Each structure stands twice: as C-alpha cells, then as structure tokens.
Amino acid sequence: MITIMVEGHSPVLAAHAANTLSEILITQNKNLYTGGGRSQQEILAEQLDQIEVELTQARGEYDSLVEQDPGDSERIASAGRSIALKEEIYTRLLEQYEQTRIREALRANSICRLNHRQI
C-alpha cells in the first residue's frame, strides 16, 4: 500500500497535489500492465465479437440448408457440427474473457486512491 501525504500552507492545494499524484500512479500502473497497447481483455472481446458473427452466419446457413434441401442429411449434419464447434469456441473465449477481466481489474486496482481528500 502506498500512502501519499502532502503538506503545505494551503490545504486545498495539498489535497489537489496528493490526488493528482495518485491519479498519475494509477495511470502508470495501468500502462505497466497493458504495455500501453491493447489489453488481453480487448483482444478477447474482439475475438468474441468475431465468433458471434461467425456463429450467426453458420446458424443462418444451417436454417437455409434445412429449408431448401432437407434431404441432404450429410450437409445438414456437417453444418450442425460447424455450429457446435463455434459454440464451443465461443464458450471457451467467454470463460477466458471473464477470467481476464477479473485479473486485469485486480491488477489495475492494485494502486488505488484511499482517503481521497477534498477541502
């Protein structure tokens, strides 16, 4: 835990200085863990969005195939397996996303501002 104490003639100025310094430390801490670039959470969110699009398309293709050619059981089964695979990928990505979101939140908040002063 880091304690920031600022003394000065003006309590308002001292509180402002301490709060500004804590904000700088929090920002630097976040940059340290994300490298200033995209976080793992952002990358996983993009992957989740992409697999959602693919899953929606696969379901549409499956429905279309069943409607247009219900006798083609091989293609229908293949389309069903494709949907199941994409659903599994989506589930695993979602689990990774949630774990990463929690982990990144804990890291980002490892420096937090306690006793925020307003005068």
PDB file of N, CA and C in Angstrom:
ATOM      1  N   MET A   1       0.846  -1.165   0.000  1.00  0.00           N
ATOM      2  CA  MET A   1       0.000   0.000   0.000  1.00  0.00           C
ATOM      3  C   MET A   1       0.893   1.230   0.000  1.00  0.00           C
ATOM      4  N   ILE A   2       0.497   2.216  -0.771  1.00  0.00           N
ATOM      5  CA  ILE A   2       1.230   3.468  -0.854  1.00  0.00           C
ATOM      6  C   ILE A   2       0.388   4.554  -0.202  1.00  0.00           C
ATOM      7  N   THR A   3       1.018   5.302   0.659  1.00  0.00           N
ATOM      8  CA  THR A   3       0.341   6.433   1.281  1.00  0.00           C
ATOM      9  C   THR A   3       0.999   7.696   0.756  1.00  0.00           C
ATOM     10  N   ILE A   4       0.197   8.605   0.267  1.00  0.00           N
ATOM     11  CA  ILE A   4       0.701   9.877  -0.242  1.00  0.00           C
ATOM     12  C   ILE A   4       0.273  10.965   0.724  1.00  0.00           C
ATOM     13  N   MET A   5       1.258  11.638   1.259  1.00  0.00           N
ATOM     14  CA  MET A   5       0.978  12.733   2.180  1.00  0.00           C
ATOM     15  C   MET A   5       1.659  13.986   1.649  1.00  0.00           C
ATOM     16  N   VAL A   6       0.899  15.042   1.543  1.00  0.00           N
ATOM     17  CA  VAL A   6       1.429  16.313   1.056  1.00  0.00           C
ATOM     18  C   VAL A   6       1.141  17.369   2.110  1.00  0.00           C
ATOM     19  N   GLU A   7       2.151  18.118   2.457  1.00  0.00           N
ATOM     20  CA  GLU A   7       1.977  19.202   3.408  1.00  0.00           C
ATOM     21  C   GLU A   7       2.210  20.527   2.700  1.00  0.00           C
ATOM     22  N   GLY A   8       1.519  21.521   3.117  1.00  0.00           N
ATOM     23  CA  GLY A   8       1.699  22.836   2.528  1.00  0.00           C
ATOM     24  C   GLY A   8       0.894  23.866   3.279  1.00  0.00           C
ATOM     25  N   HIS A   9       1.057  25.107   2.863  1.00  0.00           N
ATOM     26  CA  HIS A   9       0.343  26.199   3.516  1.00  0.00           C
ATOM     27  C   HIS A   9      -1.144  26.177   3.163  1.00  0.00           C
ATOM     28  N   SER A  10      -1.461  25.686   2.000  1.00  0.00           N
ATOM     29  CA  SER A  10      -2.853  25.642   1.557  1.00  0.00           C
ATOM     30  C   SER A  10      -3.353  24.198   1.579  1.00  0.00           C
ATOM     31  N   PRO A  11      -4.320  23.881   2.432  1.00  0.00           N
ATOM     32  CA  PRO A  11      -4.859  22.527   2.460  1.00  0.00           C
ATOM     33  C   PRO A  11      -5.502  22.126   1.131  1.00  0.00           C
ATOM     34  N   VAL A  12      -6.095  23.079   0.444  1.00  0.00           N
ATOM     35  CA  VAL A  12      -6.727  22.794  -0.848  1.00  0.00           C
ATOM     36  C   VAL A  12      -5.674  22.398  -1.864  1.00  0.00           C
ATOM     37  N   LEU A  13      -4.597  23.150  -1.921  1.00  0.00           N
ATOM     38  CA  LEU A  13      -3.512  22.856  -2.855  1.00  0.00           C
ATOM     39  C   LEU A  13      -2.834  21.532  -2.501  1.00  0.00           C
ATOM     40  N   ALA A  14      -2.651  21.253  -1.227  1.00  0.00           N
ATOM     41  CA  ALA A  14      -2.037  19.997  -0.798  1.00  0.00           C
ATOM     42  C   ALA A  14      -2.921  18.807  -1.180  1.00  0.00           C
ATOM     43  N   ALA A  15      -4.224  18.921  -0.960  1.00  0.00           N
ATOM     44  CA  ALA A  15      -5.143  17.842  -1.334  1.00  0.00           C
ATOM     45  C   ALA A  15      -5.137  17.628  -2.838  1.00  0.00           C
ATOM     46  N   HIS A  16      -5.135  18.717  -3.597  1.00  0.00           N
ATOM     47  CA  HIS A  16      -5.108  18.624  -5.057  1.00  0.00           C
ATOM     48  C   HIS A  16      -3.817  17.942  -5.531  1.00  0.00           C
ATOM     49  N   ALA A  17      -2.703  18.305  -4.929  1.00  0.00           N
ATOM     50  CA  ALA A  17      -1.421  17.704  -5.310  1.00  0.00           C
ATOM     51  C   ALA A  17      -1.404  16.206  -5.007  1.00  0.00           C
ATOM     52  N   ALA A  18      -1.891  15.821  -3.842  1.00  0.00           N
ATOM     53  CA  ALA A  18      -1.922  14.408  -3.468  1.00  0.00           C
ATOM     54  C   ALA A  18      -2.844  13.615  -4.393  1.00  0.00           C
ATOM     55  N   ASN A  19      -4.010  14.175  -4.694  1.00  0.00           N
ATOM     56  CA  ASN A  19      -4.959  13.488  -5.572  1.00  0.00           C
ATOM     57  C   ASN A  19      -4.420  13.362  -6.994  1.00  0.00           C
ATOM     58  N   THR A  20      -3.770  14.403  -7.480  1.00  0.00           N
ATOM     59  CA  THR A  20      -3.188  14.367  -8.824  1.00  0.00           C
ATOM     60  C   THR A  20      -2.080  13.327  -8.892  1.00  0.00           C
ATOM     61  N   LEU A  21      -1.239  13.270  -7.886  1.00  0.00           N
ATOM     62  CA  LEU A  21      -0.173  12.281  -7.862  1.00  0.00           C
ATOM     63  C   LEU A  21      -0.735  10.862  -7.833  1.00  0.00           C
ATOM     64  N   SER A  22      -1.789  10.645  -7.073  1.00  0.00           N
ATOM     65  CA  SER A  22      -2.384   9.306  -7.024  1.00  0.00           C
ATOM     66  C   SER A  22      -2.977   8.931  -8.378  1.00  0.00           C
ATOM     67  N   GLU A  23      -3.577   9.892  -9.084  1.00  0.00           N
ATOM     68  CA  GLU A  23      -4.119   9.620 -10.417  1.00  0.00           C
ATOM     69  C   GLU A  23      -3.006   9.258 -11.395  1.00  0.00           C
ATOM     70  N   ILE A  24      -1.872   9.940 -11.281  1.00  0.00           N
ATOM     71  CA  ILE A  24      -0.720   9.627 -12.139  1.00  0.00           C
ATOM     72  C   ILE A  24      -0.218   8.214 -11.853  1.00  0.00           C
ATOM     73  N   LEU A  25      -0.122   7.849 -10.590  1.00  0.00           N
ATOM     74  CA  LEU A  25       0.329   6.500 -10.231  1.00  0.00           C
ATOM     75  C   LEU A  25      -0.626   5.428 -10.751  1.00  0.00           C
ATOM     76  N   ILE A  26      -1.919   5.680 -10.654  1.00  0.00           N
ATOM     77  CA  ILE A  26      -2.912   4.717 -11.148  1.00  0.00           C
ATOM     78  C   ILE A  26      -2.769   4.551 -12.662  1.00  0.00           C
ATOM     79  N   THR A  27      -2.625   5.661 -13.381  1.00  0.00           N
ATOM     80  CA  THR A  27      -2.465   5.600 -14.837  1.00  0.00           C
ATOM     81  C   THR A  27      -1.190   4.859 -15.219  1.00  0.00           C
ATOM     82  N   GLN A  28      -0.095   5.158 -14.529  1.00  0.00           N
ATOM     83  CA  GLN A  28       1.165   4.475 -14.815  1.00  0.00           C
ATOM     84  C   GLN A  28       1.067   2.984 -14.526  1.00  0.00           C
ATOM     85  N   ASN A  29       0.370   2.637 -13.470  1.00  0.00           N
ATOM     86  CA  ASN A  29       0.175   1.227 -13.120  1.00  0.00           C
ATOM     87  C   ASN A  29      -0.589   0.502 -14.228  1.00  0.00           C
ATOM     88  N   LYS A  30      -1.643   1.125 -14.726  1.00  0.00           N
ATOM     89  CA  LYS A  30      -2.413   0.519 -15.815  1.00  0.00           C
ATOM     90  C   LYS A  30      -1.552   0.349 -17.052  1.00  0.00           C
ATOM     91  N   ASN A  31      -0.754   1.355 -17.380  1.00  0.00           N
ATOM     92  CA  ASN A  31       0.124   1.268 -18.551  1.00  0.00           C
ATOM     93  C   ASN A  31       1.179   0.188 -18.380  1.00  0.00           C
ATOM     94  N   LEU A  32       1.655   0.010 -17.171  1.00  0.00           N
ATOM     95  CA  LEU A  32       2.650  -1.020 -16.895  1.00  0.00           C
ATOM     96  C   LEU A  32       2.095  -2.401 -17.218  1.00  0.00           C
ATOM     97  N   TYR A  33       0.855  -2.663 -16.825  1.00  0.00           N
ATOM     98  CA  TYR A  33       0.265  -3.984 -17.027  1.00  0.00           C
ATOM     99  C   TYR A  33      -0.261  -4.204 -18.432  1.00  0.00           C
ATOM    100  N   THR A  34      -0.619  -3.132 -19.145  1.00  0.00           N
ATOM    101  CA  THR A  34      -1.123  -3.304 -20.504  1.00  0.00           C
ATOM    102  C   THR A  34      -0.069  -2.969 -21.541  1.00  0.00           C
ATOM    103  N   GLY A  35       1.072  -2.450 -21.118  1.00  0.00           N
ATOM    104  CA  GLY A  35       2.111  -2.088 -22.070  1.00  0.00           C
ATOM    105  C   GLY A  35       1.748  -0.888 -22.907  1.00  0.00           C
ATOM    106  N   GLY A  36       0.706  -0.189 -22.530  1.00  0.00           N
ATOM    107  CA  GLY A  36       0.294   0.980 -23.288  1.00  0.00           C
ATOM    108  C   GLY A  36      -0.465   0.604 -24.552  1.00  0.00           C
ATOM    109  N   GLY A  37      -0.558  -0.677 -24.857  1.00  0.00           N
ATOM    110  CA  GLY A  37      -1.262  -1.138 -26.051  1.00  0.00           C
ATOM    111  C   GLY A  37      -2.589  -1.760 -25.680  1.00  0.00           C
ATOM    112  N   ARG A  38      -3.038  -2.634 -26.551  1.00  0.00           N
ATOM    113  CA  ARG A  38      -4.311  -3.307 -26.291  1.00  0.00           C
ATOM    114  C   ARG A  38      -4.126  -4.356 -25.207  1.00  0.00           C
ATOM    115  N   SER A  39      -5.111  -4.425 -24.354  1.00  0.00           N
ATOM    116  CA  SER A  39      -5.051  -5.404 -23.275  1.00  0.00           C
ATOM    117  C   SER A  39      -5.532  -6.755 -23.784  1.00  0.00           C
ATOM    118  N   GLN A  40      -5.246  -7.784 -23.005  1.00  0.00           N
ATOM    119  CA  GLN A  40      -5.713  -9.122 -23.345  1.00  0.00           C
ATOM    120  C   GLN A  40      -7.240  -9.137 -23.378  1.00  0.00           C
ATOM    121  N   GLN A  41      -7.854  -8.392 -22.491  1.00  0.00           N
ATOM    122  CA  GLN A  41      -9.314  -8.315 -22.451  1.00  0.00           C
ATOM    123  C   GLN A  41      -9.859  -7.727 -23.749  1.00  0.00           C
ATOM    124  N   GLU A  42      -9.227  -6.686 -24.263  1.00  0.00           N
ATOM    125  CA  GLU A  42      -9.675  -6.081 -25.522  1.00  0.00           C
ATOM    126  C   GLU A  42      -9.524  -7.051 -26.694  1.00  0.00           C
ATOM    127  N   ILE A  43      -8.428  -7.776 -26.712  1.00  0.00           N
ATOM    128  CA  ILE A  43      -8.198  -8.754 -27.777  1.00  0.00           C
ATOM    129  C   ILE A  43      -9.243  -9.861 -27.713  1.00  0.00           C
ATOM    130  N   LEU A  44      -9.507 -10.371 -26.515  1.00  0.00           N
ATOM    131  CA  LEU A  44     -10.520 -11.416 -26.365  1.00  0.00           C
ATOM    132  C   LEU A  44     -11.913 -10.899 -26.724  1.00  0.00           C
ATOM    133  N   ALA A  45     -12.201  -9.650 -26.414  1.00  0.00           N
ATOM    134  CA  ALA A  45     -13.505  -9.071 -26.767  1.00  0.00           C
ATOM    135  C   ALA A  45     -13.671  -9.045 -28.283  1.00  0.00           C
ATOM    136  N   GLU A  46     -12.612  -8.696 -28.996  1.00  0.00           N
ATOM    137  CA  GLU A  46     -12.661  -8.712 -30.465  1.00  0.00           C
ATOM    138  C   GLU A  46     -12.884 -10.125 -30.988  1.00  0.00           C
ATOM    139  N   GLN A  47     -12.199 -11.095 -30.400  1.00  0.00           N
ATOM    140  CA  GLN A  47     -12.364 -12.475 -30.821  1.00  0.00           C
ATOM    141  C   GLN A  47     -13.788 -12.964 -30.531  1.00  0.00           C
ATOM    142  N   LEU A  48     -14.346 -12.567 -29.400  1.00  0.00           N
ATOM    143  CA  LEU A  48     -15.730 -12.921 -29.078  1.00  0.00           C
ATOM    144  C   LEU A  48     -16.700 -12.331 -30.098  1.00  0.00           C
ATOM    145  N   ASP A  49     -16.484 -11.074 -30.456  1.00  0.00           N
ATOM    146  CA  ASP A  49     -17.340 -10.434 -31.455  1.00  0.00           C
ATOM    147  C   ASP A  49     -17.267 -11.181 -32.782  1.00  0.00           C
ATOM    148  N   GLN A  50     -16.053 -11.567 -33.176  1.00  0.00           N
ATOM    149  CA  GLN A  50     -15.864 -12.266 -34.447  1.00  0.00           C
ATOM    150  C   GLN A  50     -16.555 -13.627 -34.440  1.00  0.00           C
ATOM    151  N   ILE A  51     -16.393 -14.390 -33.369  1.00  0.00           N
ATOM    152  CA  ILE A  51     -17.011 -15.718 -33.333  1.00  0.00           C
ATOM    153  C   ILE A  51     -18.531 -15.600 -33.257  1.00  0.00           C
ATOM    154  N   GLU A  52     -19.051 -14.537 -32.648  1.00  0.00           N
ATOM    155  CA  GLU A  52     -20.506 -14.315 -32.631  1.00  0.00           C
ATOM    156  C   GLU A  52     -21.034 -14.115 -34.047  1.00  0.00           C
ATOM    157  N   VAL A  53     -20.293 -13.333 -34.839  1.00  0.00           N
ATOM    158  CA  VAL A  53     -20.681 -13.105 -36.231  1.00  0.00           C
ATOM    159  C   VAL A  53     -20.659 -14.428 -36.995  1.00  0.00           C
ATOM    160  N   GLU A  54     -19.576 -15.197 -36.811  1.00  0.00           N
ATOM    161  CA  GLU A  54     -19.458 -16.484 -37.496  1.00  0.00           C
ATOM    162  C   GLU A  54     -20.563 -17.443 -37.066  1.00  0.00           C
ATOM    163  N   LEU A  55     -20.894 -17.434 -35.797  1.00  0.00           N
ATOM    164  CA  LEU A  55     -21.938 -18.318 -35.278  1.00  0.00           C
ATOM    165  C   LEU A  55     -23.308 -17.938 -35.851  1.00  0.00           C
ATOM    166  N   THR A  56     -23.587 -16.658 -35.929  1.00  0.00           N
ATOM    167  CA  THR A  56     -24.845 -16.192 -36.515  1.00  0.00           C
ATOM    168  C   THR A  56     -24.943 -16.599 -37.983  1.00  0.00           C
ATOM    169  N   GLN A  57     -23.832 -16.443 -38.705  1.00  0.00           N
ATOM    170  CA  GLN A  57     -23.813 -16.843 -40.115  1.00  0.00           C
ATOM    171  C   GLN A  57     -24.004 -18.353 -40.258  1.00  0.00           C
ATOM    172  N   ALA A  58     -23.338 -19.129 -39.427  1.00  0.00           N
ATOM    173  CA  ALA A  58     -23.451 -20.590 -39.500  1.00  0.00           C
ATOM    174  C   ALA A  58     -24.878 -21.037 -39.202  1.00  0.00           C
ATOM    175  N   ARG A  59     -25.509 -20.407 -38.245  1.00  0.00           N
ATOM    176  CA  ARG A  59     -26.905 -20.756 -37.929  1.00  0.00           C
ATOM    177  C   ARG A  59     -27.832 -20.402 -39.091  1.00  0.00           C
ATOM    178  N   GLY A  60     -27.570 -19.259 -39.720  1.00  0.00           N
ATOM    179  CA  GLY A  60     -28.367 -18.865 -40.888  1.00  0.00           C
ATOM    180  C   GLY A  60     -28.192 -19.835 -42.035  1.00  0.00           C
ATOM    181  N   GLU A  61     -26.954 -20.253 -42.280  1.00  0.00           N
ATOM    182  CA  GLU A  61     -26.683 -21.222 -43.340  1.00  0.00           C
ATOM    183  C   GLU A  61     -27.356 -22.557 -43.037  1.00  0.00           C
ATOM    184  N   TYR A  62     -27.311 -22.975 -41.781  1.00  0.00           N
ATOM    185  CA  TYR A  62     -27.955 -24.224 -41.378  1.00  0.00           C
ATOM    186  C   TYR A  62     -29.462 -24.157 -41.635  1.00  0.00           C
ATOM    187  N   ASP A  63     -30.082 -23.071 -41.162  1.00  0.00           N
ATOM    188  CA  ASP A  63     -31.524 -22.906 -41.352  1.00  0.00           C
ATOM    189  C   ASP A  63     -31.889 -22.887 -42.833  1.00  0.00           C
ATOM    190  N   SER A  64     -31.090 -22.199 -43.616  1.00  0.00           N
ATOM    191  CA  SER A  64     -31.328 -22.119 -45.055  1.00  0.00           C
ATOM    192  C   SER A  64     -31.201 -23.494 -45.706  1.00  0.00           C
ATOM    193  N   LEU A  65     -30.196 -24.232 -45.302  1.00  0.00           N
ATOM    194  CA  LEU A  65     -29.975 -25.570 -45.846  1.00  0.00           C
ATOM    195  C   LEU A  65     -31.129 -26.502 -45.502  1.00  0.00           C
ATOM    196  N   VAL A  66     -31.584 -26.461 -44.263  1.00  0.00           N
ATOM    197  CA  VAL A  66     -32.703 -27.305 -43.835  1.00  0.00           C
ATOM    198  C   VAL A  66     -33.963 -26.944 -44.621  1.00  0.00           C
ATOM    199  N   GLU A  67     -34.164 -25.659 -44.857  1.00  0.00           N
ATOM    200  CA  GLU A  67     -35.358 -25.202 -45.576  1.00  0.00           C
ATOM    201  C   GLU A  67     -35.289 -25.548 -47.063  1.00  0.00           C
ATOM    202  N   GLN A  68     -34.127 -25.339 -47.685  1.00  0.00           N
ATOM    203  CA  GLN A  68     -34.006 -25.509 -49.126  1.00  0.00           C
ATOM    204  C   GLN A  68     -33.754 -26.950 -49.556  1.00  0.00           C
ATOM    205  N   ASP A  69     -33.041 -27.710 -48.738  1.00  0.00           N
ATOM    206  CA  ASP A  69     -32.682 -29.077 -49.136  1.00  0.00           C
ATOM    207  C   ASP A  69     -32.712 -30.005 -47.923  1.00  0.00           C
ATOM    208  N   PRO A  70     -33.899 -30.268 -47.393  1.00  0.00           N
ATOM    209  CA  PRO A  70     -33.995 -31.072 -46.170  1.00  0.00           C
ATOM    210  C   PRO A  70     -33.508 -32.514 -46.335  1.00  0.00           C
ATOM    211  N   GLY A  71     -33.374 -32.994 -47.564  1.00  0.00           N
ATOM    212  CA  GLY A  71     -32.929 -34.366 -47.793  1.00  0.00           C
ATOM    213  C   GLY A  71     -31.424 -34.536 -47.771  1.00  0.00           C
ATOM    214  N   ASP A  72     -30.687 -33.432 -47.753  1.00  0.00           N
ATOM    215  CA  ASP A  72     -29.217 -33.516 -47.775  1.00  0.00           C
ATOM    216  C   ASP A  72     -28.696 -33.633 -46.335  1.00  0.00           C
ATOM    217  N   SER A  73     -28.889 -34.819 -45.777  1.00  0.00           N
ATOM    218  CA  SER A  73     -28.560 -35.021 -44.362  1.00  0.00           C
ATOM    219  C   SER A  73     -27.067 -34.871 -44.079  1.00  0.00           C
ATOM    220  N   GLU A  74     -26.232 -35.187 -45.038  1.00  0.00           N
ATOM    221  CA  GLU A  74     -24.789 -35.068 -44.812  1.00  0.00           C
ATOM    222  C   GLU A  74     -24.377 -33.602 -44.643  1.00  0.00           C
ATOM    223  N   ARG A  75     -24.868 -32.740 -45.516  1.00  0.00           N
ATOM    224  CA  ARG A  75     -24.536 -31.313 -45.420  1.00  0.00           C
ATOM    225  C   ARG A  75     -25.173 -30.692 -44.185  1.00  0.00           C
ATOM    226  N   ILE A  76     -26.385 -31.122 -43.860  1.00  0.00           N
ATOM    227  CA  ILE A  76     -27.065 -30.599 -42.668  1.00  0.00           C
ATOM    228  C   ILE A  76     -26.291 -31.003 -41.410  1.00  0.00           C
ATOM    229  N   ALA A  77     -25.854 -32.265 -41.363  1.00  0.00           N
ATOM    230  CA  ALA A  77     -25.078 -32.735 -40.214  1.00  0.00           C
ATOM    231  C   ALA A  77     -23.754 -31.981 -40.111  1.00  0.00           C
ATOM    232  N   SER A  78     -23.116 -31.747 -41.252  1.00  0.00           N
ATOM    233  CA  SER A  78     -21.847 -31.009 -41.270  1.00  0.00           C
ATOM    234  C   SER A  78     -22.054 -29.572 -40.767  1.00  0.00           C
ATOM    235  N   ALA A  79     -23.138 -28.948 -41.205  1.00  0.00           N
ATOM    236  CA  ALA A  79     -23.445 -27.587 -40.753  1.00  0.00           C
ATOM    237  C   ALA A  79     -23.729 -27.577 -39.252  1.00  0.00           C
ATOM    238  N   GLY A  80     -24.399 -28.617 -38.763  1.00  0.00           N
ATOM    239  CA  GLY A  80     -24.666 -28.728 -37.326  1.00  0.00           C
ATOM    240  C   GLY A  80     -23.385 -28.876 -36.523  1.00  0.00           C
ATOM    241  N   ARG A  81     -22.444 -29.662 -37.038  1.00  0.00           N
ATOM    242  CA  ARG A  81     -21.154 -29.829 -36.353  1.00  0.00           C
ATOM    243  C   ARG A  81     -20.370 -28.511 -36.341  1.00  0.00           C
ATOM    244  N   SER A  82     -20.482 -27.772 -37.433  1.00  0.00           N
ATOM    245  CA  SER A  82     -19.814 -26.470 -37.505  1.00  0.00           C
ATOM    246  C   SER A  82     -20.375 -25.525 -36.440  1.00  0.00           C
ATOM    247  N   ILE A  83     -21.684 -25.530 -36.274  1.00  0.00           N
ATOM    248  CA  ILE A  83     -22.310 -24.689 -35.242  1.00  0.00           C
ATOM    249  C   ILE A  83     -21.843 -25.125 -33.857  1.00  0.00           C
ATOM    250  N   ALA A  84     -21.826 -26.432 -33.607  1.00  0.00           N
ATOM    251  CA  ALA A  84     -21.406 -26.938 -32.289  1.00  0.00           C
ATOM    252  C   ALA A  84     -19.971 -26.534 -31.986  1.00  0.00           C
ATOM    253  N   LEU A  85     -19.099 -26.610 -32.993  1.00  0.00           N
ATOM    254  CA  LEU A  85     -17.703 -26.222 -32.806  1.00  0.00           C
ATOM    255  C   LEU A  85     -17.594 -24.733 -32.491  1.00  0.00           C
ATOM    256  N   LYS A  86     -18.318 -23.917 -33.224  1.00  0.00           N
ATOM    257  CA  LYS A  86     -18.284 -22.471 -32.990  1.00  0.00           C
ATOM    258  C   LYS A  86     -18.867 -22.124 -31.614  1.00  0.00           C
ATOM    259  N   GLU A  87     -19.892 -22.856 -31.190  1.00  0.00           N
ATOM    260  CA  GLU A  87     -20.451 -22.624 -29.852  1.00  0.00           C
ATOM    261  C   GLU A  87     -19.433 -22.981 -28.773  1.00  0.00           C
ATOM    262  N   GLU A  88     -18.685 -24.046 -28.989  1.00  0.00           N
ATOM    263  CA  GLU A  88     -17.650 -24.439 -28.029  1.00  0.00           C
ATOM    264  C   GLU A  88     -16.548 -23.383 -27.966  1.00  0.00           C
ATOM    265  N   ILE A  89     -16.139 -22.899 -29.130  1.00  0.00           N
ATOM    266  CA  ILE A  89     -15.116 -21.845 -29.171  1.00  0.00           C
ATOM    267  C   ILE A  89     -15.625 -20.598 -28.456  1.00  0.00           C
ATOM    268  N   TYR A  90     -16.873 -20.236 -28.705  1.00  0.00           N
ATOM    269  CA  TYR A  90     -17.462 -19.064 -28.060  1.00  0.00           C
ATOM    270  C   TYR A  90     -17.456 -19.224 -26.538  1.00  0.00           C
ATOM    271  N   THR A  91     -17.860 -20.389 -26.069  1.00  0.00           N
ATOM    272  CA  THR A  91     -17.908 -20.644 -24.628  1.00  0.00           C
ATOM    273  C   THR A  91     -16.527 -20.525 -24.002  1.00  0.00           C
ATOM    274  N   ARG A  92     -15.534 -21.100 -24.652  1.00  0.00           N
ATOM    275  CA  ARG A  92     -14.168 -21.029 -24.106  1.00  0.00           C
ATOM    276  C   ARG A  92     -13.622 -19.610 -24.128  1.00  0.00           C
ATOM    277  N   LEU A  93     -13.881 -18.888 -25.208  1.00  0.00           N
ATOM    278  CA  LEU A  93     -13.442 -17.490 -25.265  1.00  0.00           C
ATOM    279  C   LEU A  93     -14.125 -16.653 -24.187  1.00  0.00           C
ATOM    280  N   LEU A  94     -15.412 -16.911 -23.961  1.00  0.00           N
ATOM    281  CA  LEU A  94     -16.142 -16.169 -22.941  1.00  0.00           C
ATOM    282  C   LEU A  94     -15.570 -16.442 -21.551  1.00  0.00           C
ATOM    283  N   GLU A  95     -15.226 -17.698 -21.277  1.00  0.00           N
ATOM    284  CA  GLU A  95     -14.602 -18.043 -19.996  1.00  0.00           C
ATOM    285  C   GLU A  95     -13.264 -17.324 -19.840  1.00  0.00           C
ATOM    286  N   GLN A  96     -12.449 -17.345 -20.909  1.00  0.00           N
ATOM    287  CA  GLN A  96     -11.152 -16.652 -20.861  1.00  0.00           C
ATOM    288  C   GLN A  96     -11.343 -15.158 -20.666  1.00  0.00           C
ATOM    289  N   TYR A  97     -12.344 -14.598 -21.352  1.00  0.00           N
ATOM    290  CA  TYR A  97     -12.619 -13.174 -21.230  1.00  0.00           C
ATOM    291  C   TYR A  97     -12.970 -12.805 -19.788  1.00  0.00           C
ATOM    292  N   GLU A  98     -13.844 -13.578 -19.172  1.00  0.00           N
ATOM    293  CA  GLU A  98     -14.255 -13.287 -17.796  1.00  0.00           C
ATOM    294  C   GLU A  98     -13.079 -13.407 -16.830  1.00  0.00           C
ATOM    295  N   GLN A  99     -12.266 -14.444 -16.989  1.00  0.00           N
ATOM    296  CA  GLN A  99     -11.092 -14.609 -16.124  1.00  0.00           C
ATOM    297  C   GLN A  99     -10.119 -13.450 -16.314  1.00  0.00           C
ATOM    298  N   THR A 100      -9.914 -13.062 -17.549  1.00  0.00           N
ATOM    299  CA  THR A 100      -9.002 -11.959 -17.854  1.00  0.00           C
ATOM    300  C   THR A 100      -9.544 -10.639 -17.336  1.00  0.00           C
ATOM    301  N   ARG A 101     -10.849 -10.428 -17.482  1.00  0.00           N
ATOM    302  CA  ARG A 101     -11.461  -9.192 -16.998  1.00  0.00           C
ATOM    303  C   ARG A 101     -11.234  -9.038 -15.495  1.00  0.00           C
ATOM    304  N   ILE A 102     -11.428 -10.110 -14.772  1.00  0.00           N
ATOM    305  CA  ILE A 102     -11.228 -10.071 -13.314  1.00  0.00           C
ATOM    306  C   ILE A 102      -9.758  -9.844 -12.984  1.00  0.00           C
ATOM    307  N   ARG A 103      -8.883 -10.576 -13.659  1.00  0.00           N
ATOM    308  CA  ARG A 103      -7.446 -10.455 -13.401  1.00  0.00           C
ATOM    309  C   ARG A 103      -6.945  -9.047 -13.712  1.00  0.00           C
ATOM    310  N   GLU A 104      -7.372  -8.473 -14.848  1.00  0.00           N
ATOM    311  CA  GLU A 104      -6.939  -7.127 -15.205  1.00  0.00           C
ATOM    312  C   GLU A 104      -7.513  -6.073 -14.264  1.00  0.00           C
ATOM    313  N   ALA A 105      -8.730  -6.288 -13.799  1.00  0.00           N
ATOM    314  CA  ALA A 105      -9.323  -5.342 -12.849  1.00  0.00           C
ATOM    315  C   ALA A 105      -8.546  -5.351 -11.540  1.00  0.00           C
ATOM    316  N   LEU A 106      -8.148  -6.528 -11.101  1.00  0.00           N
ATOM    317  CA  LEU A 106      -7.361  -6.617  -9.866  1.00  0.00           C
ATOM    318  C   LEU A 106      -6.009  -5.942 -10.027  1.00  0.00           C
ATOM    319  N   ARG A 107      -5.370  -6.172 -11.159  1.00  0.00           N
ATOM    320  CA  ARG A 107      -4.062  -5.526 -11.405  1.00  0.00           C
ATOM    321  C   ARG A 107      -4.198  -4.019 -11.487  1.00  0.00           C
ATOM    322  N   ALA A 108      -5.192  -3.559 -12.229  1.00  0.00           N
ATOM    323  CA  ALA A 108      -5.366  -2.119 -12.424  1.00  0.00           C
ATOM    324  C   ALA A 108      -5.677  -1.416 -11.118  1.00  0.00           C
ATOM    325  N   ASN A 109      -6.338  -2.124 -10.228  1.00  0.00           N
ATOM    326  CA  ASN A 109      -6.705  -1.513  -8.954  1.00  0.00           C
ATOM    327  C   ASN A 109      -5.728  -1.811  -7.837  1.00  0.00           C
ATOM    328  N   SER A 110      -4.578  -2.384  -8.185  1.00  0.00           N
ATOM    329  CA  SER A 110      -3.596  -2.668  -7.142  1.00  0.00           C
ATOM    330  C   SER A 110      -3.038  -1.378  -6.558  1.00  0.00           C
ATOM    331  N   ILE A 111      -3.129  -0.307  -7.321  1.00  0.00           N
ATOM    332  CA  ILE A 111      -2.846   1.021  -6.779  1.00  0.00           C
ATOM    333  C   ILE A 111      -4.170   1.757  -6.815  1.00  0.00           C
ATOM    334  N   CYS A 112      -4.666   2.085  -5.690  1.00  0.00           N
ATOM    335  CA  CYS A 112      -5.920   2.808  -5.650  1.00  0.00           C
ATOM    336  C   CYS A 112      -5.801   3.992  -4.716  1.00  0.00           C
ATOM    337  N   ARG A 113      -6.687   4.897  -4.881  1.00  0.00           N
ATOM    338  CA  ARG A 113      -6.651   6.101  -4.085  1.00  0.00           C
ATOM    339  C   ARG A 113      -7.528   5.901  -2.872  1.00  0.00           C
ATOM    340  N   LEU A 114      -6.909   5.853  -1.732  1.00  0.00           N
ATOM    341  CA  LEU A 114      -7.644   5.757  -0.482  1.00  0.00           C
ATOM    342  C   LEU A 114      -7.633   7.133   0.176  1.00  0.00           C
ATOM    343  N   ASN A 115      -8.668   7.408   0.888  1.00  0.00           N
ATOM    344  CA  ASN A 115      -8.759   8.664   1.611  1.00  0.00           C
ATOM    345  C   ASN A 115      -8.614   9.875   0.686  1.00  0.00           C
ATOM    346  N   HIS A 116      -9.339   9.851  -0.417  1.00  0.00           N
ATOM    347  CA  HIS A 116      -9.380  10.982  -1.325  1.00  0.00           C
ATOM    348  C   HIS A 116      -9.785  12.221  -0.548  1.00  0.00           C
ATOM    349  N   ARG A 117      -8.995  13.246  -0.643  1.00  0.00           N
ATOM    350  CA  ARG A 117      -9.246  14.443   0.170  1.00  0.00           C
ATOM    351  C   ARG A 117      -9.876  15.561  -0.657  1.00  0.00           C
ATOM    352  N   GLN A 118     -10.884  16.128  -0.100  1.00  0.00           N
ATOM    353  CA  GLN A 118     -11.489  17.316  -0.664  1.00  0.00           C
ATOM    354  C   GLN A 118     -11.588  18.344   0.444  1.00  0.00           C
ATOM    355  N   ILE A 119     -11.111  19.510   0.168  1.00  0.00           N
ATOM    356  CA  ILE A 119     -11.157  20.556   1.182  1.00  0.00           C
ATOM    357  C   ILE A 119     -11.768  21.807   0.575  1.00  0.00           C
TER     358      ILE A 119
END
